Amino acid sequence: MTRQVGANGVADREELIVHLKRLAAGDEAHYERRRRQKLAMVLDGLRQAALTQPKVLVEAPTTVLNQELANLPEGVSISPGAISITFSSPNEALQRLLALAMAIGNGFSEFERMAGR
């Protein structure tokens, strides 16, 4: 039973509870719960994937994978006991640091020779 209070209708508490229980037990509620569970699983999987993948700080051209110490980018130099990197922007600094790291990984013994004292 509903009654009018101002512009709003007010339902009997017990009737409302019975109606809500009927809705919750129905097929629509069951499918909605399953849909939400599936969505939660997909979102959790995406979150896990984002946490396990390293963040990319700088776009790296494929040529940097084969970077060699002999042809480091301009502004990168190695001498006994020192590494020097000059740059004009933070992104350029990251690119040069990445090139240096890849070159060291591709020729560590040469790096030891160049940087050693």
Protein backbone atom coordinates (compact mmCIF):
# COMPACT_ATOMS: atom_id res chain seq x y z
CA MET A 1 0.00 0.00 0.00
CA THR A 2 1.35 3.43 -0.87
CA ARG A 3 0.18 6.80 0.27
CA GLN A 4 0.92 10.28 -0.95
CA VAL A 5 3.09 12.60 1.15
CA GLY A 6 3.52 15.88 -0.67
CA ALA A 7 4.77 15.13 -4.19
CA ASN A 8 6.31 11.80 -3.14
CA GLY A 9 4.81 8.38 -2.71
CA VAL A 10 5.61 6.42 0.44
CA ALA A 11 5.47 2.60 0.39
CA ASP A 12 4.65 0.35 3.28
CA ARG A 13 7.92 -0.95 4.77
CA GLU A 14 6.93 -4.63 4.80
CA GLU A 15 5.60 -4.53 1.24
CA LEU A 16 8.82 -2.87 0.08
CA ILE A 17 10.95 -5.56 1.76
CA VAL A 18 8.90 -8.36 0.20
CA HIS A 19 9.16 -6.70 -3.23
CA LEU A 20 12.94 -6.21 -2.94
CA LYS A 21 13.44 -9.84 -1.85
CA ARG A 22 11.43 -10.99 -4.86
CA LEU A 23 13.61 -8.86 -7.17
CA ALA A 24 16.83 -10.15 -5.58
CA ALA A 25 15.74 -13.75 -6.07
CA GLY A 26 14.81 -13.26 -9.72
CA ASP A 27 16.80 -14.05 -12.87
CA GLU A 28 17.72 -10.43 -13.57
CA ALA A 29 19.48 -10.10 -10.22
CA HIS A 30 21.27 -13.42 -10.74
CA TYR A 31 22.61 -12.37 -14.15
CA GLU A 32 23.56 -8.93 -12.87
CA ARG A 33 25.57 -10.50 -10.02
CA ARG A 34 27.34 -12.78 -12.51
CA ARG A 35 28.05 -9.85 -14.83
CA ARG A 36 29.53 -7.85 -11.98
CA GLN A 37 31.66 -10.81 -10.84
CA LYS A 38 33.03 -11.27 -14.37
CA LEU A 39 33.74 -7.55 -14.64
CA ALA A 40 35.55 -7.60 -11.30
CA MET A 41 37.68 -10.54 -12.46
CA VAL A 42 38.59 -8.79 -15.72
CA LEU A 43 39.46 -5.56 -13.90
CA ASP A 44 41.56 -7.46 -11.36
CA GLY A 45 43.42 -9.23 -14.17
CA LEU A 46 44.14 -5.91 -15.87
CA ARG A 47 45.32 -4.43 -12.57
CA GLN A 48 47.62 -7.39 -11.96
CA ALA A 49 49.04 -7.11 -15.48
CA ALA A 50 49.67 -3.38 -15.01
CA LEU A 51 51.48 -4.05 -11.72
CA THR A 52 53.74 -6.75 -13.16
CA GLN A 53 54.71 -4.89 -16.33
CA PRO A 54 57.48 -2.35 -15.96
CA LYS A 55 56.57 1.21 -16.76
CA VAL A 56 58.07 2.56 -19.99
CA LEU A 57 59.89 5.78 -19.16
CA VAL A 58 61.15 6.57 -22.64
CA GLU A 59 60.30 5.47 -26.14
CA ALA A 60 63.26 3.52 -27.48
CA PRO A 61 63.95 2.99 -31.16
CA THR A 62 64.82 -0.59 -32.10
CA THR A 63 68.37 0.52 -32.97
CA VAL A 64 69.06 1.07 -29.26
CA LEU A 65 68.78 -2.70 -28.68
CA ASN A 66 72.02 -3.22 -30.59
CA GLN A 67 73.73 -0.12 -29.20
CA GLU A 68 77.51 -0.45 -28.99
CA LEU A 69 79.94 1.49 -26.85
CA ALA A 70 81.93 2.46 -29.94
CA ASN A 71 79.03 4.54 -31.32
CA LEU A 72 77.31 6.04 -28.28
CA PRO A 73 75.03 9.02 -28.95
CA GLU A 74 76.48 12.51 -28.95
CA GLY A 75 76.72 13.80 -25.37
CA VAL A 76 77.59 10.40 -23.83
CA SER A 77 81.19 9.69 -22.94
CA ILE A 78 83.05 7.15 -20.83
CA SER A 79 86.50 7.65 -19.42
CA PRO A 80 88.40 5.92 -16.61
CA GLY A 81 86.36 6.51 -13.45
CA ALA A 82 83.75 8.76 -15.10
CA ILE A 83 80.64 8.70 -17.23
CA SER A 84 79.42 11.99 -18.67
CA ILE A 85 76.01 12.65 -20.17
CA THR A 86 74.89 16.02 -21.45
CA PHE A 87 71.34 16.68 -22.62
CA SER A 88 68.91 19.45 -23.43
CA SER A 89 65.69 17.88 -22.11
CA PRO A 90 64.67 15.24 -19.56
CA ASN A 91 63.47 12.94 -22.36
CA GLU A 92 66.79 13.26 -24.16
CA ALA A 93 68.55 12.39 -20.88
CA LEU A 94 66.46 9.22 -20.58
CA GLN A 95 67.19 8.26 -24.19
CA ARG A 96 70.93 8.69 -23.67
CA LEU A 97 70.92 6.80 -20.38
CA LEU A 98 69.05 3.94 -22.06
CA ALA A 99 71.53 3.89 -24.95
CA LEU A 100 74.40 3.76 -22.45
CA ALA A 101 72.78 0.96 -20.45
CA MET A 102 72.11 -1.10 -23.58
CA ALA A 103 75.66 -0.55 -24.84
CA ILE A 104 77.10 -1.69 -21.50
CA GLY A 105 74.85 -4.76 -21.56
CA ASN A 106 75.99 -5.57 -25.11
CA GLY A 107 79.69 -5.18 -24.34
CA PHE A 108 80.45 -5.31 -20.64
CA SER A 109 84.09 -6.29 -21.00
CA GLU A 110 84.66 -3.30 -23.28
CA PHE A 111 82.92 -1.07 -20.72
CA GLU A 112 85.22 -2.39 -17.97
CA ARG A 113 88.21 -1.58 -20.15
CA MET A 114 86.98 1.95 -20.95
CA ALA A 115 85.82 2.87 -17.44
CA GLY A 116 88.42 1.04 -15.38
CA ARG A 117 91.33 2.86 -13.77
